[in-house]
């Protein structure tokens, strides 16, 4: 995912995309990062299963 972000930033630097396109991408990027953070928080809040193999 971060390699895709780097590609888009490079494209902006070399005028291969417009600032408006970059803004659209960053909106989607921020939504994806927020979703990942939310999922991580949800997973971290779950109790850890106890292993029954003893």
N, C-alpha and C. Protein backbone atom coordinates (compact mmCIF):
# COMPACT_ATOMS: atom_id res chain seq x y z
N UNK A 1 0.82 -1.19 0.00
CA UNK A 1 0.00 0.00 0.00
C UNK A 1 0.87 1.26 0.00
N UNK A 2 1.96 1.21 0.77
CA UNK A 2 2.82 2.39 0.82
C UNK A 2 3.56 2.59 -0.50
N UNK A 3 3.82 1.53 -1.22
CA UNK A 3 4.47 1.69 -2.53
C UNK A 3 3.54 2.40 -3.51
N UNK A 4 2.25 2.13 -3.39
CA UNK A 4 1.28 2.83 -4.23
C UNK A 4 1.26 4.32 -3.90
N UNK A 5 1.30 4.63 -2.61
CA UNK A 5 1.33 6.02 -2.18
C UNK A 5 2.58 6.73 -2.74
N UNK A 6 3.72 6.06 -2.65
CA UNK A 6 4.96 6.62 -3.19
C UNK A 6 4.85 6.88 -4.69
N UNK A 7 4.22 5.96 -5.40
CA UNK A 7 4.05 6.13 -6.84
C UNK A 7 3.21 7.36 -7.16
N UNK A 8 2.16 7.56 -6.39
CA UNK A 8 1.28 8.71 -6.64
C UNK A 8 2.00 10.02 -6.30
N UNK A 9 2.75 10.03 -5.22
CA UNK A 9 3.51 11.24 -4.86
C UNK A 9 4.53 11.55 -5.96
N UNK A 10 5.21 10.53 -6.45
CA UNK A 10 6.17 10.75 -7.54
C UNK A 10 5.48 11.26 -8.79
N UNK A 11 4.32 10.72 -9.09
CA UNK A 11 3.57 11.18 -10.27
C UNK A 11 3.21 12.66 -10.12
N UNK A 12 2.85 13.07 -8.93
CA UNK A 12 2.55 14.48 -8.70
C UNK A 12 3.81 15.33 -8.88
N UNK A 13 4.93 14.85 -8.34
CA UNK A 13 6.20 15.59 -8.46
C UNK A 13 6.60 15.80 -9.92
N UNK A 14 6.31 14.82 -10.76
CA UNK A 14 6.70 14.90 -12.17
C UNK A 14 5.55 15.37 -13.08
N UNK A 15 4.54 15.98 -12.46
CA UNK A 15 3.40 16.53 -13.20
C UNK A 15 2.70 15.51 -14.08
N UNK A 16 2.67 14.26 -13.63
CA UNK A 16 1.96 13.22 -14.37
C UNK A 16 0.50 13.13 -13.94
N UNK A 17 0.18 13.72 -12.80
CA UNK A 17 -1.21 13.83 -12.35
C UNK A 17 -1.43 15.26 -11.87
N UNK A 18 -2.67 15.67 -11.85
CA UNK A 18 -3.00 17.03 -11.41
C UNK A 18 -3.11 17.08 -9.89
N UNK A 19 -2.97 18.27 -9.32
CA UNK A 19 -3.19 18.41 -7.88
C UNK A 19 -4.58 17.95 -7.45
N UNK A 20 -5.56 18.13 -8.32
CA UNK A 20 -6.92 17.68 -8.01
C UNK A 20 -6.99 16.15 -7.93
N UNK A 21 -6.29 15.49 -8.83
CA UNK A 21 -6.24 14.02 -8.79
C UNK A 21 -5.54 13.54 -7.53
N UNK A 22 -4.48 14.23 -7.16
CA UNK A 22 -3.77 13.88 -5.94
C UNK A 22 -4.67 14.07 -4.73
N UNK A 23 -5.43 15.13 -4.72
CA UNK A 23 -6.35 15.38 -3.61
C UNK A 23 -7.40 14.26 -3.51
N UNK A 24 -7.89 13.82 -4.64
CA UNK A 24 -8.85 12.70 -4.65
C UNK A 24 -8.20 11.44 -4.09
N UNK A 25 -6.96 11.19 -4.50
CA UNK A 25 -6.25 10.02 -4.00
C UNK A 25 -6.04 10.11 -2.49
N UNK A 26 -5.62 11.28 -2.00
CA UNK A 26 -5.34 11.40 -0.58
C UNK A 26 -6.61 11.25 0.26
N UNK A 27 -7.75 11.65 -0.28
CA UNK A 27 -9.02 11.44 0.42
C UNK A 27 -9.25 9.94 0.61
N UNK A 28 -9.06 9.18 -0.44
CA UNK A 28 -9.22 7.73 -0.38
C UNK A 28 -8.17 7.10 0.53
N UNK A 29 -6.93 7.59 0.43
CA UNK A 29 -5.84 7.09 1.26
C UNK A 29 -6.17 7.28 2.74
N UNK A 30 -6.63 8.47 3.11
CA UNK A 30 -6.95 8.75 4.50
C UNK A 30 -8.10 7.87 5.00
N UNK A 31 -9.07 7.61 4.15
CA UNK A 31 -10.17 6.71 4.53
C UNK A 31 -9.66 5.29 4.77
N UNK A 32 -8.74 4.84 3.92
CA UNK A 32 -8.18 3.49 4.09
C UNK A 32 -7.36 3.39 5.37
N UNK A 33 -6.55 4.40 5.65
CA UNK A 33 -5.75 4.40 6.87
C UNK A 33 -6.66 4.40 8.09
N UNK A 34 -7.73 5.18 8.06
CA UNK A 34 -8.68 5.21 9.18
C UNK A 34 -9.33 3.84 9.37
N UNK A 35 -9.65 3.17 8.28
CA UNK A 35 -10.26 1.84 8.38
C UNK A 35 -9.28 0.83 8.98
N UNK A 36 -8.01 0.91 8.55
CA UNK A 36 -6.99 0.03 9.13
C UNK A 36 -6.82 0.28 10.62
N UNK A 37 -6.78 1.53 11.01
CA UNK A 37 -6.62 1.86 12.43
C UNK A 37 -7.82 1.37 13.25
N UNK A 38 -9.00 1.54 12.69
CA UNK A 38 -10.21 1.09 13.39
C UNK A 38 -10.20 -0.42 13.55
N UNK A 39 -9.82 -1.12 12.50
CA UNK A 39 -9.76 -2.59 12.55
C UNK A 39 -8.72 -3.05 13.57
N UNK A 40 -7.56 -2.38 13.58
CA UNK A 40 -6.52 -2.74 14.53
C UNK A 40 -7.01 -2.53 15.96
N UNK A 41 -7.70 -1.42 16.21
CA UNK A 41 -8.24 -1.16 17.55
C UNK A 41 -9.23 -2.22 17.96
N UNK A 42 -10.08 -2.62 17.02
CA UNK A 42 -11.07 -3.66 17.30
C UNK A 42 -10.38 -4.98 17.64
N UNK A 43 -9.38 -5.34 16.86
CA UNK A 43 -8.66 -6.60 17.11
C UNK A 43 -7.90 -6.56 18.42
N UNK A 44 -7.31 -5.43 18.75
CA UNK A 44 -6.54 -5.31 19.99
C UNK A 44 -7.45 -5.37 21.22
N UNK A 45 -8.70 -4.98 21.07
CA UNK A 45 -9.64 -4.97 22.19
C UNK A 45 -10.23 -6.35 22.48
N UNK A 46 -10.08 -7.28 21.53
CA UNK A 46 -10.62 -8.61 21.72
C UNK A 46 -9.74 -9.41 22.67
N UNK A 47 -10.37 -10.21 23.52
CA UNK A 47 -9.56 -11.05 24.42
C UNK A 47 -8.78 -12.10 23.63
N UNK A 48 -7.61 -12.41 24.12
CA UNK A 48 -6.77 -13.42 23.49
C UNK A 48 -7.27 -14.81 23.87
N UNK A 49 -7.49 -15.68 22.89
CA UNK A 49 -7.95 -17.05 23.21
C UNK A 49 -6.88 -17.81 24.00
N UNK A 50 -7.33 -18.62 24.93
CA UNK A 50 -6.42 -19.45 25.73
C UNK A 50 -6.24 -20.78 25.04
N UNK A 51 -5.00 -21.20 24.90
CA UNK A 51 -4.70 -22.46 24.25
C UNK A 51 -5.11 -23.62 25.15
N UNK A 52 -5.78 -24.65 24.55
CA UNK A 52 -6.23 -25.81 25.31
C UNK A 52 -5.32 -27.02 25.10
N UNK A 53 -4.17 -26.82 24.48
CA UNK A 53 -3.30 -27.97 24.19
C UNK A 53 -2.25 -28.12 25.28
N UNK A 54 -2.61 -28.78 26.37
CA UNK A 54 -1.65 -29.05 27.45
C UNK A 54 -1.73 -30.49 27.87
